[in-house]
PDB file of N, CA and C in Angstrom:
ATOM      1  N   UNK A   1      13.547 -33.268  -9.597  1.00  0.00           N
ATOM      2  CA  UNK A   1      14.331 -32.091  -9.867  1.00  0.00           C
ATOM      3  C   UNK A   1      15.153 -31.774  -8.623  1.00  0.00           C
ATOM      4  N   UNK A   2      16.408 -31.461  -8.798  1.00  0.00           N
ATOM      5  CA  UNK A   2      17.269 -31.175  -7.665  1.00  0.00           C
ATOM      6  C   UNK A   2      17.080 -29.752  -7.193  1.00  0.00           C
ATOM      7  N   UNK A   3      17.521 -29.503  -5.977  1.00  0.00           N
ATOM      8  CA  UNK A   3      17.412 -28.159  -5.415  1.00  0.00           C
ATOM      9  C   UNK A   3      18.179 -27.143  -6.235  1.00  0.00           C
ATOM     10  N   UNK A   4      19.329 -27.533  -6.795  1.00  0.00           N
ATOM     11  CA  UNK A   4      20.119 -26.580  -7.553  1.00  0.00           C
ATOM     12  C   UNK A   4      19.431 -26.186  -8.853  1.00  0.00           C
ATOM     13  N   UNK A   5      18.670 -27.092  -9.459  1.00  0.00           N
ATOM     14  CA  UNK A   5      17.943 -26.760 -10.683  1.00  0.00           C
ATOM     15  C   UNK A   5      16.855 -25.732 -10.386  1.00  0.00           C
ATOM     16  N   UNK A   6      16.179 -25.880  -9.240  1.00  0.00           N
ATOM     17  CA  UNK A   6      15.157 -24.908  -8.854  1.00  0.00           C
ATOM     18  C   UNK A   6      15.796 -23.553  -8.606  1.00  0.00           C
ATOM     19  N   UNK A   7      16.926 -23.567  -7.908  1.00  0.00           N
ATOM     20  CA  UNK A   7      17.606 -22.314  -7.616  1.00  0.00           C
ATOM     21  C   UNK A   7      18.070 -21.635  -8.883  1.00  0.00           C
ATOM     22  N   UNK A   8      18.576 -22.410  -9.838  1.00  0.00           N
ATOM     23  CA  UNK A   8      19.043 -21.834 -11.096  1.00  0.00           C
ATOM     24  C   UNK A   8      17.877 -21.207 -11.845  1.00  0.00           C
ATOM     25  N   UNK A   9      16.737 -21.869 -11.843  1.00  0.00           N
ATOM     26  CA  UNK A   9      15.556 -21.324 -12.504  1.00  0.00           C
ATOM     27  C   UNK A   9      15.102 -20.040 -11.858  1.00  0.00           C
ATOM     28  N   UNK A  10      15.152 -19.971 -10.546  1.00  0.00           N
ATOM     29  CA  UNK A  10      14.729 -18.766  -9.846  1.00  0.00           C
ATOM     30  C   UNK A  10      15.679 -17.610 -10.107  1.00  0.00           C
ATOM     31  N   UNK A  11      16.966 -17.889 -10.167  1.00  0.00           N
ATOM     32  CA  UNK A  11      17.922 -16.806 -10.349  1.00  0.00           C
ATOM     33  C   UNK A  11      17.882 -16.242 -11.756  1.00  0.00           C
ATOM     34  N   UNK A  12      17.339 -17.001 -12.723  1.00  0.00           N
ATOM     35  CA  UNK A  12      17.272 -16.508 -14.090  1.00  0.00           C
ATOM     36  C   UNK A  12      16.014 -15.675 -14.339  1.00  0.00           C
ATOM     37  N   UNK A  13      15.103 -15.596 -13.372  1.00  0.00           N
ATOM     38  CA  UNK A  13      13.899 -14.788 -13.528  1.00  0.00           C
ATOM     39  C   UNK A  13      14.258 -13.312 -13.554  1.00  0.00           C
ATOM     40  N   UNK A  14      13.485 -12.547 -14.296  1.00  0.00           N
ATOM     41  CA  UNK A  14      13.694 -11.102 -14.298  1.00  0.00           C
ATOM     42  C   UNK A  14      13.239 -10.529 -12.962  1.00  0.00           C
ATOM     43  N   UNK A  15      13.722  -9.345 -12.657  1.00  0.00           N
ATOM     44  CA  UNK A  15      13.330  -8.691 -11.407  1.00  0.00           C
ATOM     45  C   UNK A  15      11.831  -8.449 -11.376  1.00  0.00           C
ATOM     46  N   UNK A  16      11.245  -8.093 -12.513  1.00  0.00           N
ATOM     47  CA  UNK A  16       9.800  -7.854 -12.583  1.00  0.00           C
ATOM     48  C   UNK A  16       9.028  -9.120 -12.281  1.00  0.00           C
ATOM     49  N   UNK A  17       9.469 -10.246 -12.833  1.00  0.00           N
ATOM     50  CA  UNK A  17       8.791 -11.519 -12.569  1.00  0.00           C
ATOM     51  C   UNK A  17       8.878 -11.874 -11.097  1.00  0.00           C
ATOM     52  N   UNK A  18      10.028 -11.632 -10.484  1.00  0.00           N
ATOM     53  CA  UNK A  18      10.203 -11.945  -9.067  1.00  0.00           C
ATOM     54  C   UNK A  18       9.262 -11.108  -8.215  1.00  0.00           C
ATOM     55  N   UNK A  19       9.114  -9.833  -8.563  1.00  0.00           N
ATOM     56  CA  UNK A  19       8.211  -8.956  -7.813  1.00  0.00           C
ATOM     57  C   UNK A  19       6.787  -9.465  -7.939  1.00  0.00           C
ATOM     58  N   UNK A  20       6.379  -9.876  -9.134  1.00  0.00           N
ATOM     59  CA  UNK A  20       5.011 -10.338  -9.342  1.00  0.00           C
ATOM     60  C   UNK A  20       4.719 -11.607  -8.559  1.00  0.00           C
ATOM     61  N   UNK A  21       5.731 -12.447  -8.346  1.00  0.00           N
ATOM     62  CA  UNK A  21       5.531 -13.657  -7.561  1.00  0.00           C
ATOM     63  C   UNK A  21       5.349 -13.340  -6.085  1.00  0.00           C
ATOM     64  N   UNK A  22       5.950 -12.260  -5.619  1.00  0.00           N
ATOM     65  CA  UNK A  22       5.906 -11.926  -4.202  1.00  0.00           C
ATOM     66  C   UNK A  22       4.709 -11.069  -3.821  1.00  0.00           C
ATOM     67  N   UNK A  23       4.185 -10.288  -4.745  1.00  0.00           N
ATOM     68  CA  UNK A  23       3.124  -9.346  -4.439  1.00  0.00           C
ATOM     69  C   UNK A  23       1.904  -9.626  -5.319  1.00  0.00           C
ATOM     70  N   UNK A  24       0.728  -9.702  -4.729  1.00  0.00           N
ATOM     71  CA  UNK A  24      -0.478  -9.979  -5.521  1.00  0.00           C
ATOM     72  C   UNK A  24      -0.857  -8.775  -6.388  1.00  0.00           C
ATOM     73  N   UNK A  25      -1.019  -9.002  -7.681  1.00  0.00           N
ATOM     74  CA  UNK A  25      -1.433  -7.924  -8.579  1.00  0.00           C
ATOM     75  C   UNK A  25      -2.837  -7.458  -8.220  1.00  0.00           C
ATOM     76  N   UNK A  26      -3.060  -6.161  -8.423  1.00  0.00           N
ATOM     77  CA  UNK A  26      -4.401  -5.624  -8.246  1.00  0.00           C
ATOM     78  C   UNK A  26      -4.770  -5.250  -6.820  1.00  0.00           C
ATOM     79  N   UNK A  27      -3.834  -5.391  -5.867  1.00  0.00           N
ATOM     80  CA  UNK A  27      -4.134  -4.992  -4.492  1.00  0.00           C
ATOM     81  C   UNK A  27      -4.537  -3.518  -4.503  1.00  0.00           C
ATOM     82  N   UNK A  28      -5.630  -3.184  -3.830  1.00  0.00           N
ATOM     83  CA  UNK A  28      -6.154  -1.815  -3.824  1.00  0.00           C
ATOM     84  C   UNK A  28      -5.664  -1.102  -2.567  1.00  0.00           C
ATOM     85  N   UNK A  29      -4.753  -0.138  -2.771  1.00  0.00           N
ATOM     86  CA  UNK A  29      -4.065   0.532  -1.675  1.00  0.00           C
ATOM     87  C   UNK A  29      -4.505   1.989  -1.573  1.00  0.00           C
ATOM     88  N   UNK A  30      -4.821   2.413  -0.356  1.00  0.00           N
ATOM     89  CA  UNK A  30      -5.029   3.827  -0.074  1.00  0.00           C
ATOM     90  C   UNK A  30      -3.748   4.329   0.586  1.00  0.00           C
ATOM     91  N   UNK A  31      -3.029   5.218  -0.096  1.00  0.00           N
ATOM     92  CA  UNK A  31      -1.780   5.775   0.423  1.00  0.00           C
ATOM     93  C   UNK A  31      -2.049   7.174   0.961  1.00  0.00           C
ATOM     94  N   UNK A  32      -1.599   7.427   2.200  1.00  0.00           N
ATOM     95  CA  UNK A  32      -1.857   8.712   2.859  1.00  0.00           C
ATOM     96  C   UNK A  32      -0.529   9.329   3.294  1.00  0.00           C
ATOM     97  N   UNK A  33      -0.248  10.522   2.774  1.00  0.00           N
ATOM     98  CA  UNK A  33       0.973  11.248   3.164  1.00  0.00           C
ATOM     99  C   UNK A  33       0.776  12.715   2.828  1.00  0.00           C
ATOM    100  N   UNK A  34       1.125  13.605   3.756  1.00  0.00           N
ATOM    101  CA  UNK A  34       0.956  15.030   3.504  1.00  0.00           C
ATOM    102  C   UNK A  34       2.121  15.622   2.705  1.00  0.00           C
ATOM    103  N   UNK A  35       3.179  14.857   2.508  1.00  0.00           N
ATOM    104  CA  UNK A  35       4.314  15.286   1.697  1.00  0.00           C
ATOM    105  C   UNK A  35       4.074  14.815   0.262  1.00  0.00           C
ATOM    106  N   UNK A  36       3.819  15.754  -0.632  1.00  0.00           N
ATOM    107  CA  UNK A  36       3.456  15.415  -2.006  1.00  0.00           C
ATOM    108  C   UNK A  36       4.537  14.606  -2.716  1.00  0.00           C
ATOM    109  N   UNK A  37       5.806  14.921  -2.464  1.00  0.00           N
ATOM    110  CA  UNK A  37       6.904  14.192  -3.101  1.00  0.00           C
ATOM    111  C   UNK A  37       6.940  12.748  -2.629  1.00  0.00           C
ATOM    112  N   UNK A  38       6.844  12.548  -1.327  1.00  0.00           N
ATOM    113  CA  UNK A  38       6.837  11.179  -0.779  1.00  0.00           C
ATOM    114  C   UNK A  38       5.633  10.396  -1.300  1.00  0.00           C
ATOM    115  N   UNK A  39       4.488  11.043  -1.338  1.00  0.00           N
ATOM    116  CA  UNK A  39       3.279  10.381  -1.813  1.00  0.00           C
ATOM    117  C   UNK A  39       3.434   9.951  -3.274  1.00  0.00           C
ATOM    118  N   UNK A  40       4.047  10.801  -4.074  1.00  0.00           N
ATOM    119  CA  UNK A  40       4.286  10.475  -5.485  1.00  0.00           C
ATOM    120  C   UNK A  40       5.232   9.282  -5.612  1.00  0.00           C
ATOM    121  N   UNK A  41       6.324   9.290  -4.864  1.00  0.00           N
ATOM    122  CA  UNK A  41       7.310   8.201  -4.923  1.00  0.00           C
ATOM    123  C   UNK A  41       6.695   6.887  -4.458  1.00  0.00           C
ATOM    124  N   UNK A  42       6.008   6.914  -3.335  1.00  0.00           N
ATOM    125  CA  UNK A  42       5.364   5.700  -2.819  1.00  0.00           C
ATOM    126  C   UNK A  42       4.327   5.186  -3.810  1.00  0.00           C
ATOM    127  N   UNK A  43       3.552   6.098  -4.372  1.00  0.00           N
ATOM    128  CA  UNK A  43       2.548   5.710  -5.360  1.00  0.00           C
ATOM    129  C   UNK A  43       3.171   5.006  -6.556  1.00  0.00           C
ATOM    130  N   UNK A  44       4.272   5.544  -7.067  1.00  0.00           N
ATOM    131  CA  UNK A  44       4.957   4.931  -8.213  1.00  0.00           C
ATOM    132  C   UNK A  44       5.509   3.554  -7.852  1.00  0.00           C
ATOM    133  N   UNK A  45       6.070   3.428  -6.671  1.00  0.00           N
ATOM    134  CA  UNK A  45       6.601   2.126  -6.234  1.00  0.00           C
ATOM    135  C   UNK A  45       5.484   1.086  -6.152  1.00  0.00           C
ATOM    136  N   UNK A  46       4.364   1.476  -5.596  1.00  0.00           N
ATOM    137  CA  UNK A  46       3.235   0.556  -5.470  1.00  0.00           C
ATOM    138  C   UNK A  46       2.661   0.187  -6.839  1.00  0.00           C
ATOM    139  N   UNK A  47       2.607   1.151  -7.728  1.00  0.00           N
ATOM    140  CA  UNK A  47       2.114   0.884  -9.084  1.00  0.00           C
ATOM    141  C   UNK A  47       3.021  -0.088  -9.827  1.00  0.00           C
ATOM    142  N   UNK A  48       4.309  -0.049  -9.560  1.00  0.00           N
ATOM    143  CA  UNK A  48       5.246  -1.002 -10.176  1.00  0.00           C
ATOM    144  C   UNK A  48       4.982  -2.428  -9.700  1.00  0.00           C
ATOM    145  N   UNK A  49       4.381  -2.553  -8.547  1.00  0.00           N
ATOM    146  CA  UNK A  49       3.987  -3.872  -8.034  1.00  0.00           C
ATOM    147  C   UNK A  49       2.612  -4.267  -8.564  1.00  0.00           C
ATOM    148  N   UNK A  50       2.100  -3.484  -9.504  1.00  0.00           N
ATOM    149  CA  UNK A  50       0.806  -3.732 -10.137  1.00  0.00           C
ATOM    150  C   UNK A  50      -0.362  -3.524  -9.166  1.00  0.00           C
ATOM    151  N   UNK A  51      -0.170  -2.633  -8.178  1.00  0.00           N
ATOM    152  CA  UNK A  51      -1.232  -2.294  -7.250  1.00  0.00           C
ATOM    153  C   UNK A  51      -2.068  -1.153  -7.825  1.00  0.00           C
ATOM    154  N   UNK A  52      -3.322  -1.094  -7.426  1.00  0.00           N
ATOM    155  CA  UNK A  52      -4.198   0.030  -7.753  1.00  0.00           C
ATOM    156  C   UNK A  52      -4.093   1.012  -6.590  1.00  0.00           C
ATOM    157  N   UNK A  53      -3.540   2.181  -6.852  1.00  0.00           N
ATOM    158  CA  UNK A  53      -3.230   3.127  -5.779  1.00  0.00           C
ATOM    159  C   UNK A  53      -4.131   4.353  -5.841  1.00  0.00           C
ATOM    160  N   UNK A  54      -4.719   4.676  -4.692  1.00  0.00           N
ATOM    161  CA  UNK A  54      -5.440   5.931  -4.514  1.00  0.00           C
ATOM    162  C   UNK A  54      -4.626   6.724  -3.502  1.00  0.00           C
ATOM    163  N   UNK A  55      -4.284   7.968  -3.849  1.00  0.00           N
ATOM    164  CA  UNK A  55      -3.446   8.793  -2.977  1.00  0.00           C
ATOM    165  C   UNK A  55      -4.270   9.927  -2.373  1.00  0.00           C
ATOM    166  N   UNK A  56      -4.009  10.210  -1.104  1.00  0.00           N
ATOM    167  CA  UNK A  56      -4.620  11.387  -0.479  1.00  0.00           C
ATOM    168  C   UNK A  56      -3.620  12.005   0.482  1.00  0.00           C
ATOM    169  N   UNK A  57      -3.794  13.307   0.710  1.00  0.00           N
ATOM    170  CA  UNK A  57      -2.778  14.066   1.434  1.00  0.00           C
ATOM    171  C   UNK A  57      -3.139  14.429   2.865  1.00  0.00           C
ATOM    172  N   UNK A  58      -4.312  13.999   3.356  1.00  0.00           N
ATOM    173  CA  UNK A  58      -4.646  14.338   4.737  1.00  0.00           C
ATOM    174  C   UNK A  58      -5.650  13.354   5.321  1.00  0.00           C
ATOM    175  N   UNK A  59      -5.805  13.441   6.629  1.00  0.00           N
ATOM    176  CA  UNK A  59      -6.699  12.563   7.385  1.00  0.00           C
ATOM    177  C   UNK A  59      -8.140  12.698   6.934  1.00  0.00           C
ATOM    178  N   UNK A  60      -8.575  13.929   6.743  1.00  0.00           N
ATOM    179  CA  UNK A  60      -9.976  14.174   6.398  1.00  0.00           C
ATOM    180  C   UNK A  60     -10.340  13.482   5.083  1.00  0.00           C
ATOM    181  N   UNK A  61      -9.499  13.630   4.090  1.00  0.00           N
ATOM    182  CA  UNK A  61      -9.756  13.005   2.791  1.00  0.00           C
ATOM    183  C   UNK A  61      -9.719  11.481   2.897  1.00  0.00           C
ATOM    184  N   UNK A  62      -8.738  10.948   3.629  1.00  0.00           N
ATOM    185  CA  UNK A  62      -8.623   9.492   3.779  1.00  0.00           C
ATOM    186  C   UNK A  62      -9.854   8.910   4.468  1.00  0.00           C
ATOM    187  N   UNK A  63     -10.249   9.515   5.568  1.00  0.00           N
ATOM    188  CA  UNK A  63     -11.408   9.000   6.302  1.00  0.00           C
ATOM    189  C   UNK A  63     -12.696   9.159   5.497  1.00  0.00           C
ATOM    190  N   UNK A  64     -12.793  10.236   4.739  1.00  0.00           N
ATOM    191  CA  UNK A  64     -13.976  10.437   3.902  1.00  0.00           C
ATOM    192  C   UNK A  64     -14.085   9.328   2.856  1.00  0.00           C
ATOM    193  N   UNK A  65     -12.985   9.017   2.184  1.00  0.00           N
ATOM    194  CA  UNK A  65     -12.986   7.945   1.187  1.00  0.00           C
ATOM    195  C   UNK A  65     -13.346   6.600   1.817  1.00  0.00           C
ATOM    196  N   UNK A  66     -12.773   6.330   2.976  1.00  0.00           N
ATOM    197  CA  UNK A  66     -13.014   5.048   3.643  1.00  0.00           C
ATOM    198  C   UNK A  66     -14.435   4.941   4.180  1.00  0.00           C
ATOM    199  N   UNK A  67     -14.941   6.013   4.747  1.00  0.00           N
ATOM    200  CA  UNK A  67     -16.303   5.975   5.293  1.00  0.00           C
ATOM    201  C   UNK A  67     -17.346   5.904   4.184  1.00  0.00           C
ATOM    202  N   UNK A  68     -17.015   6.472   3.038  1.00  0.00           N
ATOM    203  CA  UNK A  68     -17.925   6.417   1.888  1.00  0.00           C
ATOM    204  C   UNK A  68     -18.060   4.984   1.384  1.00  0.00           C
ATOM    205  N   UNK A  69     -16.918   4.270   1.270  1.00  0.00           N
ATOM    206  CA  UNK A  69     -16.941   2.892   0.774  1.00  0.00           C
ATOM    207  C   UNK A  69     -15.596   2.226   1.052  1.00  0.00           C
ATOM    208  N   UNK A  70     -15.448   1.669   2.239  1.00  0.00           N
ATOM    209  CA  UNK A  70     -14.167   1.055   2.607  1.00  0.00           C
ATOM    210  C   UNK A  70     -13.857  -0.195   1.782  1.00  0.00           C
ATOM    211  N   UNK A  71     -14.864  -0.767   1.135  1.00  0.00           N
ATOM    212  CA  UNK A  71     -14.615  -1.967   0.328  1.00  0.00           C
ATOM    213  C   UNK A  71     -13.831  -1.652  -0.945  1.00  0.00           C
ATOM    214  N   UNK A  72     -13.611  -0.367  -1.232  1.00  0.00           N
ATOM    215  CA  UNK A  72     -12.792   0.025  -2.387  1.00  0.00           C
ATOM    216  C   UNK A  72     -11.321  -0.279  -2.165  1.00  0.00           C
ATOM    217  N   UNK A  73     -10.926  -0.525  -0.904  1.00  0.00           N
ATOM    218  CA  UNK A  73      -9.509  -0.695  -0.583  1.00  0.00           C
ATOM    219  C   UNK A  73      -9.271  -2.004   0.166  1.00  0.00           C
ATOM    220  N   UNK A  74      -8.083  -2.573  -0.079  1.00  0.00           N
ATOM    221  CA  UNK A  74      -7.669  -3.783   0.631  1.00  0.00           C
ATOM    222  C   UNK A  74      -6.782  -3.455   1.826  1.00  0.00           C
ATOM    223  N   UNK A  75      -6.071  -2.330   1.734  1.00  0.00           N
ATOM    224  CA  UNK A  75      -5.112  -1.955   2.775  1.00  0.00           C
ATOM    225  C   UNK A  75      -4.869  -0.451   2.734  1.00  0.00           C
ATOM    226  N   UNK A  76      -4.489   0.102   3.879  1.00  0.00           N
ATOM    227  CA  UNK A  76      -4.140   1.518   3.971  1.00  0.00           C
ATOM    228  C   UNK A  76      -2.673   1.618   4.365  1.00  0.00           C
ATOM    229  N   UNK A  77      -1.942   2.469   3.653  1.00  0.00           N
ATOM    230  CA  UNK A  77      -0.540   2.743   3.942  1.00  0.00           C
ATOM    231  C   UNK A  77      -0.438   4.220   4.292  1.00  0.00           C
ATOM    232  N   UNK A  78       0.037   4.522   5.510  1.00  0.00           N
ATOM    233  CA  UNK A  78       0.041   5.911   5.959  1.00  0.00           C
ATOM    234  C   UNK A  78       1.384   6.326   6.545  1.00  0.00           C
ATOM    235  N   UNK A  79       1.715   7.584   6.321  1.00  0.00           N
ATOM    236  CA  UNK A  79       2.852   8.221   6.974  1.00  0.00           C
ATOM    237  C   UNK A  79       2.508   8.354   8.460  1.00  0.00           C
ATOM    238  N   UNK A  80       3.508   8.276   9.312  1.00  0.00           N
ATOM    239  CA  UNK A  80       3.275   8.433  10.748  1.00  0.00           C
ATOM    240  C   UNK A  80       3.174   9.891  11.175  1.00  0.00           C
ATOM    241  N   UNK A  81       3.774  10.784  10.397  1.00  0.00           N
ATOM    242  CA  UNK A  81       3.840  12.196  10.783  1.00  0.00           C
ATOM    243  C   UNK A  81       3.016  13.049   9.833  1.00  0.00           C
ATOM    244  N   UNK A  82       1.706  12.994   9.993  1.00  0.00           N
ATOM    245  CA  UNK A  82       0.810  13.824   9.195  1.00  0.00           C
ATOM    246  C   UNK A  82       0.603  15.156   9.901  1.00  0.00           C
ATOM    247  N   UNK A  83       0.363  16.204   9.125  1.00  0.00           N
ATOM    248  CA  UNK A  83       0.222  17.532   9.731  1.00  0.00           C
ATOM    249  C   UNK A  83      -1.082  17.706  10.496  1.00  0.00           C
ATOM    250  N   UNK A  84      -2.132  16.956  10.125  1.00  0.00           N
ATOM    251  CA  UNK A  84      -3.423  17.164  10.773  1.00  0.00           C
ATOM    252  C   UNK A  84      -3.796  16.100  11.802  1.00  0.00           C
ATOM    253  N   UNK A  85      -2.964  15.060  11.946  1.00  0.00           N
ATOM    254  CA  UNK A  85      -3.222  14.013  12.948  1.00  0.00           C
ATOM    255  C   UNK A  85      -1.978  13.126  13.055  1.00  0.00           C
ATOM    256  N   UNK A  86      -1.772  12.539  14.207  1.00  0.00           N
ATOM    257  CA  UNK A  86      -0.717  11.545  14.358  1.00  0.00           C
ATOM    258  C   UNK A  86      -1.091  10.336  13.516  1.00  0.00           C
ATOM    259  N   UNK A  87      -0.156   9.850  12.709  1.00  0.00           N
ATOM    260  CA  UNK A  87      -0.430   8.719  11.829  1.00  0.00           C
ATOM    261  C   UNK A  87      -0.928   7.487  12.553  1.00  0.00           C
ATOM    262  N   UNK A  88      -0.411   7.244  13.755  1.00  0.00           N
ATOM    263  CA  UNK A  88      -0.871   6.083  14.522  1.00  0.00           C
ATOM    264  C   UNK A  88      -2.329   6.236  14.942  1.00  0.00           C
ATOM    265  N   UNK A  89      -2.724   7.459  15.274  1.00  0.00           N
ATOM    266  CA  UNK A  89      -4.121   7.706  15.635  1.00  0.00           C
ATOM    267  C   UNK A  89      -5.026   7.463  14.429  1.00  0.00           C
ATOM    268  N   UNK A  90      -4.586   7.913  13.256  1.00  0.00           N
ATOM    269  CA  UNK A  90      -5.362   7.666  12.039  1.00  0.00           C
ATOM    270  C   UNK A  90      -5.518   6.169  11.801  1.00  0.00           C
ATOM    271  N   UNK A  91      -4.440   5.436  11.945  1.00  0.00           N
ATOM    272  CA  UNK A  91      -4.505   3.995  11.729  1.00  0.00           C
ATOM    273  C   UNK A  91      -5.384   3.312  12.769  1.00  0.00           C
ATOM    274  N   UNK A  92      -5.373   3.812  13.980  1.00  0.00           N
ATOM    275  CA  UNK A  92      -6.245   3.279  15.033  1.00  0.00           C
ATOM    276  C   UNK A  92      -7.723   3.481  14.663  1.00  0.00           C
ATOM    277  N   UNK A  93      -8.049   4.669  14.170  1.00  0.00           N
ATOM    278  CA  UNK A  93      -9.425   4.959  13.756  1.00  0.00           C
ATOM    279  C   UNK A  93      -9.843   4.033  12.615  1.00  0.00           C
ATOM    280  N   UNK A  94      -8.962   3.893  11.635  1.00  0.00           N
ATOM    281  CA  UNK A  94      -9.275   3.050  10.473  1.00  0.00           C
ATOM    282  C   UNK A  94      -9.447   1.598  10.896  1.00  0.00           C
ATOM    283  N   UNK A  95      -8.535   1.100  11.702  1.00  0.00           N
ATOM    284  CA  UNK A  95      -8.612  -0.295  12.139  1.00  0.00           C
ATOM    285  C   UNK A  95      -9.890  -0.545  12.939  1.00  0.00           C
ATOM    286  N   UNK A  96     -10.278   0.409  13.780  1.00  0.00           N
ATOM    287  CA  UNK A  96     -11.468   0.250  14.619  1.00  0.00           C
ATOM    288  C   UNK A  96     -12.752   0.358  13.800  1.00  0.00           C
ATOM    289  N   UNK A  97     -12.862   1.400  12.977  1.00  0.00           N
ATOM    290  CA  UNK A  97     -14.107   1.652  12.230  1.00  0.00           C
ATOM    291  C   UNK A  97     -14.284   0.736  11.019  1.00  0.00           C
ATOM    292  N   UNK A  98     -13.184   0.427  10.329  1.00  0.00           N
ATOM    293  CA  UNK A  98     -13.300  -0.314   9.070  1.00  0.00           C
ATOM    294  C   UNK A  98     -12.801  -1.749   9.166  1.00  0.00           C
ATOM    295  N   UNK A  99     -12.114  -2.086  10.232  1.00  0.00           N
ATOM    296  CA  UNK A  99     -11.571  -3.431  10.412  1.00  0.00           C
ATOM    297  C   UNK A  99     -10.809  -3.877   9.164  1.00  0.00           C
ATOM    298  N   UNK A 100      -9.814  -3.065   8.774  1.00  0.00           N
ATOM    299  CA  UNK A 100      -9.009  -3.411   7.613  1.00  0.00           C
ATOM    300  C   UNK A 100      -7.536  -3.267   7.962  1.00  0.00           C
ATOM    301  N   UNK A 101      -6.664  -3.947   7.224  1.00  0.00           N
ATOM    302  CA  UNK A 101      -5.224  -3.876   7.499  1.00  0.00           C
ATOM    303  C   UNK A 101      -4.687  -2.476   7.265  1.00  0.00           C
ATOM    304  N   UNK A 102      -3.797  -2.051   8.157  1.00  0.00           N
ATOM    305  CA  UNK A 102      -3.160  -0.756   8.031  1.00  0.00           C
ATOM    306  C   UNK A 102      -1.658  -0.908   8.246  1.00  0.00           C
ATOM    307  N   UNK A 103      -0.880  -0.117   7.522  1.00  0.00           N
ATOM    308  CA  UNK A 103       0.573  -0.132   7.644  1.00  0.00           C
ATOM    309  C   UNK A 103       1.044   1.300   7.798  1.00  0.00           C
ATOM    310  N   UNK A 104       1.929   1.524   8.755  1.00  0.00           N
ATOM    311  CA  UNK A 104       2.473   2.873   8.959  1.00  0.00           C
ATOM    312  C   UNK A 104       3.958   2.875   8.736  1.00  0.00           C
TER     313      UNK A 104
END
């Protein structure tokens, strides 16, 4: 098969199919943001990637969920500017205590 045939096949894929090829379905994400609107938008975007999303609005709730059972999540996505803690500090705590991937 030539390179152009592969490219033609890829370009005919739907946008949804392309997203599914790039992102693993079922990834369990803990999303943390104190802005309810941002949290809702991020949650919807992640759900479109077929992720399982748990949303929380503050450090206390996020750490409580993680300390209760960190194996419920594959990754944490957090805002950097939380009202009750610096987002980087939260990610530092999570990375140290739970040894899991974090994105800010």
